[in-house]
């Protein structure tokens, strides 16, 4: 398992704010932003300090994904970025690219050589001036250092497809990568299948980002060993640490403590079973976080359920008289109490 752990690219995802200046209809946080904005919080100073302390203990090998909401909505985002950079951790920014170029310039300076990637998402329905937004992205591309990459993604709908093709054409003139992202339906988490002409184009343009996402949903991850929780971590705006975005039924594997309470933090050691039947993000797939071994099948086997089928004891009533019923290898044996 040690060799398997060595090939996993470790990262920690920090949701520094739940707030966003957009209200995208296909985003759960966008829904809250529109209907229940007071429920969306910024990470407090205490959470930020706790996160930085945890990061220092983990070491500079952990890549930091800065996410939201929209990270730039946090008033101390750039300051936090600078402190992460001082620890030596590489960073990836996830942003909707709506903030002014001058703000991005400050962020890029703060991150320095440790800014690995700007992952920008264009949400067409929220953009007031598309051409200006595109020009801002081109300016940001000119500002970033050679060590930093930039890629732009957009969620595809039947209505915006032609607009996305226009964006792709304009960005490609400046060697900016553009990725078409399939829409994930909020109600059932299914990936959208489009009309034939869009599907034909997407197959040509299908990026590894999409392929990892599609591959993740093809795997029955229930009880598969995964390094999420030890090599992959998620920290929300309240400071809670979890293995990943996916729902985990086992408390000890789903909740790993809070960064504001160092004594509560219990990170997993090595790979542990996943308790979600579907992986709802592409990180474990993209980072080789699954661990398969000759014993993997044993983790999928529910011993407690099996034992209840072959042997169980319970109290029952027969003709209003209490009886104890034993089930052994499918046979029922009862006696009066």
Protein backbone atom coordinates (compact mmCIF):
# COMPACT_ATOMS: atom_id res chain seq x y z
CA UNK A 1 0.00 0.00 0.00
CA UNK A 2 2.97 2.30 0.58
CA UNK A 3 3.97 2.18 -3.09
CA UNK A 4 0.36 2.86 -4.11
CA UNK A 5 0.27 5.87 -1.78
CA UNK A 6 3.44 7.25 -3.34
CA UNK A 7 1.82 7.57 -6.76
CA UNK A 8 -1.17 9.57 -5.42
CA UNK A 9 -0.82 13.29 -6.02
CA UNK A 10 -1.84 14.73 -2.62
CA UNK A 11 -4.05 17.78 -2.42
CA UNK A 12 -6.27 19.69 -0.03
CA UNK A 13 -9.32 21.59 -1.22
CA UNK A 14 -10.21 24.77 0.66
CA UNK A 15 -13.70 26.18 0.21
CA UNK A 16 -12.70 29.61 1.53
CA UNK A 17 -16.17 31.06 0.96
CA UNK A 18 -19.67 29.89 0.11
CA UNK A 19 -20.55 33.32 -1.24
CA UNK A 20 -20.71 34.00 -4.97
CA UNK A 21 -21.57 36.99 -7.12
CA UNK A 22 -23.38 34.70 -9.58
CA UNK A 23 -26.63 32.73 -9.28
CA UNK A 24 -26.15 29.95 -11.83
CA UNK A 25 -29.27 27.85 -12.22
CA UNK A 26 -27.29 24.59 -12.40
CA UNK A 27 -25.37 25.28 -9.17
CA UNK A 28 -26.65 24.39 -5.69
CA UNK A 29 -24.83 27.35 -4.14
CA UNK A 30 -26.30 29.58 -6.84
CA UNK A 31 -29.76 28.53 -5.66
CA UNK A 32 -28.92 29.42 -2.06
CA UNK A 33 -27.36 32.71 -3.18
CA UNK A 34 -30.66 33.63 -4.78
CA UNK A 35 -33.10 32.35 -2.17
CA UNK A 36 -31.21 32.03 1.14
CA UNK A 37 -28.08 34.23 0.86
CA UNK A 38 -27.69 34.57 4.64
CA UNK A 39 -26.87 30.86 4.86
CA UNK A 40 -23.71 31.35 2.80
CA UNK A 41 -20.64 32.12 4.91
CA UNK A 42 -17.04 33.28 4.53
CA UNK A 43 -14.33 31.30 6.28
CA UNK A 44 -13.59 33.12 9.55
CA UNK A 45 -10.13 34.29 10.60
CA UNK A 46 -10.06 31.34 13.00
CA UNK A 47 -10.80 28.89 10.18
CA UNK A 48 -8.13 30.43 7.94
CA UNK A 49 -5.52 30.24 10.71
CA UNK A 50 -6.52 26.64 11.42
CA UNK A 51 -6.29 25.74 7.75
CA UNK A 52 -2.81 27.27 7.44
CA UNK A 53 -1.65 25.40 10.55
CA UNK A 54 -2.95 22.11 9.14
CA UNK A 55 -1.31 22.83 5.80
CA UNK A 56 2.02 23.49 7.49
CA UNK A 57 1.81 20.10 9.24
CA UNK A 58 0.87 18.29 6.02
CA UNK A 59 3.81 19.78 4.13
CA UNK A 60 4.46 21.56 0.86
CA UNK A 61 3.82 18.41 -1.21
CA UNK A 62 0.08 19.01 -0.78
CA UNK A 63 -1.36 21.00 -3.65
CA UNK A 64 -4.03 23.50 -2.59
CA UNK A 65 -7.25 23.90 -4.58
CA UNK A 66 -8.80 27.30 -3.80
CA UNK A 67 -12.53 27.10 -4.40
CA UNK A 68 -15.85 28.70 -3.42
CA UNK A 69 -18.44 30.02 -4.07
CA UNK A 70 -16.22 32.54 -5.74
CA UNK A 71 -12.88 32.83 -3.86
CA UNK A 72 -12.50 36.53 -4.67
CA UNK A 73 -15.68 37.22 -2.69
CA UNK A 74 -13.70 36.59 0.50
CA UNK A 75 -12.16 39.87 1.74
CA UNK A 76 -8.96 38.12 2.87
CA UNK A 77 -8.54 35.80 -0.09
CA UNK A 78 -5.43 37.44 -1.60
CA UNK A 79 -3.81 37.76 1.84
CA UNK A 80 -4.48 34.06 2.47
CA UNK A 81 -3.02 33.19 -0.93
CA UNK A 82 0.22 34.96 -0.08
CA UNK A 83 0.54 33.03 3.19
CA UNK A 84 -0.06 29.70 1.42
CA UNK A 85 2.63 30.62 -1.10
CA UNK A 86 5.05 31.35 1.73
CA UNK A 87 4.54 27.76 2.94
CA UNK A 88 5.68 26.56 -0.48
CA UNK A 89 2.46 24.82 -1.57
CA UNK A 90 1.40 24.86 -5.22
CA UNK A 91 -2.06 26.31 -5.84
CA UNK A 92 -4.90 25.99 -8.30
CA UNK A 93 -7.50 28.75 -8.41
CA UNK A 94 -11.12 28.01 -9.35
CA UNK A 95 -12.83 31.27 -10.34
CA UNK A 96 -15.71 32.53 -12.48
CA UNK A 97 -13.30 35.12 -13.96
CA UNK A 98 -15.71 37.99 -13.31
CA UNK A 99 -13.44 40.18 -11.18
CA UNK A 100 -11.34 43.01 -12.68
CA UNK A 101 -7.91 42.32 -14.17
CA UNK A 102 -6.37 44.51 -11.46
CA UNK A 103 -7.67 42.12 -8.77
CA UNK A 104 -6.24 39.13 -10.62
CA UNK A 105 -2.91 40.94 -10.91
CA UNK A 106 -2.74 41.32 -7.11
CA UNK A 107 -3.61 37.65 -6.69
CA UNK A 108 -0.98 36.53 -9.20
CA UNK A 109 1.68 38.62 -7.43
CA UNK A 110 0.66 37.17 -4.05
CA UNK A 111 0.78 33.58 -5.32
CA UNK A 112 4.13 34.06 -7.09
CA UNK A 113 5.80 31.00 -8.58
CA UNK A 114 3.49 28.69 -6.61
CA UNK A 115 0.44 29.41 -8.76
CA UNK A 116 0.13 26.27 -10.86
CA UNK A 117 -3.15 26.83 -12.67
CA UNK A 118 -6.05 29.23 -13.07
CA UNK A 119 -9.14 27.16 -13.74
CA UNK A 120 -11.67 29.71 -14.97
CA UNK A 121 -15.34 29.00 -15.53
CA UNK A 122 -17.42 31.16 -17.85
CA UNK A 123 -21.11 31.10 -16.94
CA UNK A 124 -22.60 32.66 -20.04
CA UNK A 125 -26.05 33.35 -18.60
CA UNK A 126 -24.49 35.53 -15.86
CA UNK A 127 -22.12 37.56 -18.06
CA UNK A 128 -23.31 41.03 -19.07
CA UNK A 129 -20.54 41.84 -21.56
CA UNK A 130 -19.12 38.64 -23.05
CA UNK A 131 -16.50 40.27 -25.30
CA UNK A 132 -15.14 42.34 -22.40
CA UNK A 133 -14.95 39.20 -20.28
CA UNK A 134 -13.03 37.42 -23.03
CA UNK A 135 -10.61 40.35 -23.36
CA UNK A 136 -10.01 40.32 -19.61
CA UNK A 137 -9.07 36.64 -19.77
CA UNK A 138 -6.63 37.39 -22.58
CA UNK A 139 -5.04 40.15 -20.45
CA UNK A 140 -4.76 37.78 -17.48
CA UNK A 141 -3.05 35.24 -19.74
CA UNK A 142 -0.48 37.90 -20.60
CA UNK A 143 0.12 38.71 -16.92
CA UNK A 144 0.64 35.20 -15.54
CA UNK A 145 4.13 33.76 -15.37
CA UNK A 146 5.42 30.96 -17.58
CA UNK A 147 5.04 28.41 -14.77
CA UNK A 148 1.30 29.11 -14.51
CA UNK A 149 -1.25 27.59 -16.89
CA UNK A 150 -4.75 28.88 -17.59
CA UNK A 151 -7.75 26.99 -18.85
CA UNK A 152 -11.32 28.09 -19.31
CA UNK A 153 -14.33 25.83 -18.97
CA UNK A 154 -18.02 26.35 -19.68
CA UNK A 155 -21.04 24.22 -18.92
CA UNK A 156 -22.83 23.24 -22.12
CA UNK A 157 -26.55 23.70 -22.61
CA UNK A 158 -28.58 23.32 -25.78
CA UNK A 159 -29.11 27.10 -25.78
CA UNK A 160 -25.53 28.29 -25.25
CA UNK A 161 -23.63 25.85 -27.47
CA UNK A 162 -23.04 28.23 -30.38
CA UNK A 163 -21.92 30.96 -27.97
CA UNK A 164 -19.39 28.55 -26.48
CA UNK A 165 -18.02 27.80 -29.93
CA UNK A 166 -17.51 31.55 -30.41
CA UNK A 167 -15.67 31.78 -27.07
CA UNK A 168 -13.48 28.81 -28.00
CA UNK A 169 -12.55 30.44 -31.31
CA UNK A 170 -11.60 33.78 -29.67
CA UNK A 171 -9.55 32.20 -26.89
CA UNK A 172 -7.73 29.80 -29.21
CA UNK A 173 -6.24 32.82 -31.02
CA UNK A 174 -4.22 33.42 -27.83
CA UNK A 175 -3.45 29.75 -27.09
CA UNK A 176 -5.90 29.62 -24.18
CA UNK A 177 -7.33 26.16 -23.60
CA UNK A 178 -11.12 25.96 -23.64
CA UNK A 179 -13.02 22.96 -22.27
CA UNK A 180 -16.66 22.06 -22.79
CA UNK A 181 -18.16 20.70 -19.54
CA UNK A 182 -21.19 18.45 -19.53
CA UNK A 183 -24.07 19.67 -17.39
CA UNK A 184 -24.72 17.62 -14.24
CA UNK A 185 -28.40 17.70 -13.33
CA UNK A 186 -28.95 18.88 -9.75
CA UNK A 187 -32.04 16.74 -9.14
CA UNK A 188 -30.42 13.34 -9.79
CA UNK A 189 -26.69 14.07 -10.40
CA UNK A 190 -26.91 12.55 -13.88
CA UNK A 191 -24.70 13.81 -16.70
CA UNK A 192 -26.60 15.42 -19.58
CA UNK A 193 -26.76 13.82 -23.02
CA UNK A 194 -27.26 16.44 -25.75
CA UNK A 195 -28.75 16.54 -29.22
CA UNK A 196 -26.79 14.59 -31.89
CA UNK A 197 -24.90 17.53 -33.46
CA UNK A 198 -23.64 18.71 -30.05
CA UNK A 199 -22.70 15.18 -29.01
CA UNK A 200 -20.77 14.74 -32.25
CA UNK A 201 -18.78 17.91 -31.56
CA UNK A 202 -18.18 17.05 -27.90
CA UNK A 203 -16.77 13.64 -28.80
CA UNK A 204 -14.13 15.39 -30.90
CA UNK A 205 -13.41 17.91 -28.15
CA UNK A 206 -13.83 15.59 -25.14
CA UNK A 207 -11.19 16.67 -22.63
CA UNK A 208 -9.53 14.55 -19.91
CA UNK A 209 -11.46 16.67 -17.37
CA UNK A 210 -14.73 15.28 -18.75
CA UNK A 211 -13.36 11.79 -19.25
CA UNK A 212 -12.28 11.59 -15.61
CA UNK A 213 -15.72 12.77 -14.53
CA UNK A 214 -17.46 10.20 -16.74
CA UNK A 215 -15.09 7.43 -15.66
CA UNK A 216 -15.70 8.21 -11.99
CA UNK A 217 -19.42 7.58 -12.45
CA UNK A 218 -18.83 4.24 -14.14
CA UNK A 219 -17.09 2.84 -11.05
CA UNK A 220 -19.08 1.27 -8.24
CA UNK A 221 -17.02 2.92 -5.53
CA UNK A 222 -18.90 1.42 -2.59
CA UNK A 223 -16.29 -0.26 -0.34
CA UNK A 224 -13.46 0.38 -2.83
CA UNK A 225 -10.30 1.40 -1.01
CA UNK A 226 -9.49 5.07 -1.58
CA UNK A 227 -6.80 7.41 -0.26
CA UNK A 228 -9.34 10.21 0.21
CA UNK A 229 -9.05 11.22 3.83
CA UNK A 230 -5.29 10.78 3.95
CA UNK A 231 -3.94 12.05 0.63
CA UNK A 232 -7.06 13.90 -0.52
CA UNK A 233 -8.88 16.29 1.84
CA UNK A 234 -11.71 18.80 1.69
CA UNK A 235 -12.08 21.73 4.11
CA UNK A 236 -15.32 23.74 4.03
CA UNK A 237 -15.90 27.38 5.02
CA UNK A 238 -16.77 26.31 8.60
CA UNK A 239 -13.44 24.49 8.91
CA UNK A 240 -14.87 20.97 8.79
CA UNK A 241 -12.53 18.41 7.24
CA UNK A 242 -13.98 15.60 5.15
CA UNK A 243 -12.63 13.00 2.77
CA UNK A 244 -14.28 14.45 -0.32
CA UNK A 245 -17.52 15.89 -1.71
CA UNK A 246 -19.25 12.50 -1.83
CA UNK A 247 -21.65 11.42 0.88
CA UNK A 248 -20.03 9.03 3.38
CA UNK A 249 -22.26 6.96 5.65
CA UNK A 250 -19.53 6.09 8.16
CA UNK A 251 -19.00 9.03 10.52
CA UNK A 252 -15.41 8.14 11.28
CA UNK A 253 -14.60 8.19 7.56
CA UNK A 254 -16.77 11.14 6.55
CA UNK A 255 -15.95 13.69 9.25
CA UNK A 256 -12.28 14.07 10.14
CA UNK A 257 -12.41 17.01 12.55
CA UNK A 258 -12.29 20.79 12.35
CA UNK A 259 -9.25 22.95 11.63
CA UNK A 260 -10.15 25.27 14.52
CA UNK A 261 -9.83 22.37 16.97
CA UNK A 262 -6.49 20.64 16.31
CA UNK A 263 -7.21 17.93 18.90
CA UNK A 264 -10.33 16.90 16.93
CA UNK A 265 -8.42 16.23 13.69
CA UNK A 266 -8.10 12.52 12.96
CA UNK A 267 -6.89 12.06 9.39
CA UNK A 268 -7.01 8.56 7.94
CA UNK A 269 -3.88 6.48 7.58
CA UNK A 270 -3.64 4.83 4.19
CA UNK A 271 -6.53 3.82 1.95
CA UNK A 272 -9.94 3.21 3.52
CA UNK A 273 -13.25 1.98 2.03
CA UNK A 274 -15.43 4.50 0.24
CA UNK A 275 -19.02 4.55 1.49
CA UNK A 276 -20.55 6.27 -1.52
CA UNK A 277 -21.85 4.15 -4.43
CA UNK A 278 -20.84 6.91 -6.87
CA UNK A 279 -17.87 9.30 -6.89
CA UNK A 280 -19.27 12.79 -7.46
CA UNK A 281 -15.96 14.43 -8.38
CA UNK A 282 -13.11 13.44 -10.65
CA UNK A 283 -10.28 13.93 -8.15
CA UNK A 284 -9.78 10.29 -7.01
CA UNK A 285 -9.84 9.14 -10.65
CA UNK A 286 -7.52 11.89 -11.87
CA UNK A 287 -5.07 11.43 -8.96
CA UNK A 288 -4.90 7.62 -8.90
CA UNK A 289 -6.42 7.57 -5.43
CA UNK A 290 -8.14 4.18 -5.68
CA UNK A 291 -6.28 1.18 -4.28
CA UNK A 292 -7.11 -2.30 -5.52
CA UNK A 293 -5.66 -5.41 -3.90
CA UNK A 294 -6.49 -9.12 -3.51
CA UNK A 295 -8.40 -8.09 -0.37
CA UNK A 296 -10.57 -5.43 -2.02
CA UNK A 297 -13.46 -7.89 -2.42
CA UNK A 298 -13.48 -8.48 1.34
CA UNK A 299 -14.19 -4.80 1.95
CA UNK A 300 -17.22 -5.06 -0.33
CA UNK A 301 -18.53 -8.01 1.68
CA UNK A 302 -20.92 -7.06 4.49
CA UNK A 303 -20.07 -9.54 7.26
CA UNK A 304 -22.68 -8.20 9.69
CA UNK A 305 -25.49 -8.65 7.16
CA UNK A 306 -24.21 -12.13 6.29
CA UNK A 307 -24.06 -13.19 9.96
CA UNK A 308 -27.62 -12.01 10.55
CA UNK A 309 -28.78 -14.26 7.72
CA UNK A 310 -27.12 -17.39 9.12
CA UNK A 311 -27.41 -16.69 12.84
CA UNK A 312 -29.65 -14.32 14.78
CA UNK A 313 -31.57 -14.19 18.03
CA UNK A 314 -34.69 -12.11 18.68
CA UNK A 315 -37.70 -11.96 20.93
CA UNK A 316 -41.03 -12.82 19.34
CA UNK A 317 -44.61 -13.53 20.37
CA UNK A 318 -46.71 -16.52 19.44
CA UNK A 319 -50.30 -16.63 20.65
CA UNK A 320 -49.51 -13.66 22.93
CA UNK A 321 -46.83 -15.77 24.66
CA UNK A 322 -43.26 -14.49 24.55
CA UNK A 323 -40.76 -16.71 22.77
CA UNK A 324 -37.10 -16.41 21.90
CA UNK A 325 -36.43 -17.23 18.25
CA UNK A 326 -33.03 -18.43 17.03
CA UNK A 327 -32.16 -18.47 13.35
CA UNK A 328 -29.32 -20.85 12.52
CA UNK A 329 -28.40 -21.57 8.89
CA UNK A 330 -31.89 -20.59 7.80
CA UNK A 331 -33.67 -22.79 10.34
CA UNK A 332 -35.88 -21.22 13.02
CA UNK A 333 -35.72 -22.61 16.55
CA UNK A 334 -37.94 -21.14 19.27
CA UNK A 335 -38.70 -21.79 22.90
CA UNK A 336 -40.93 -20.27 25.53
CA UNK A 337 -39.38 -17.66 27.80
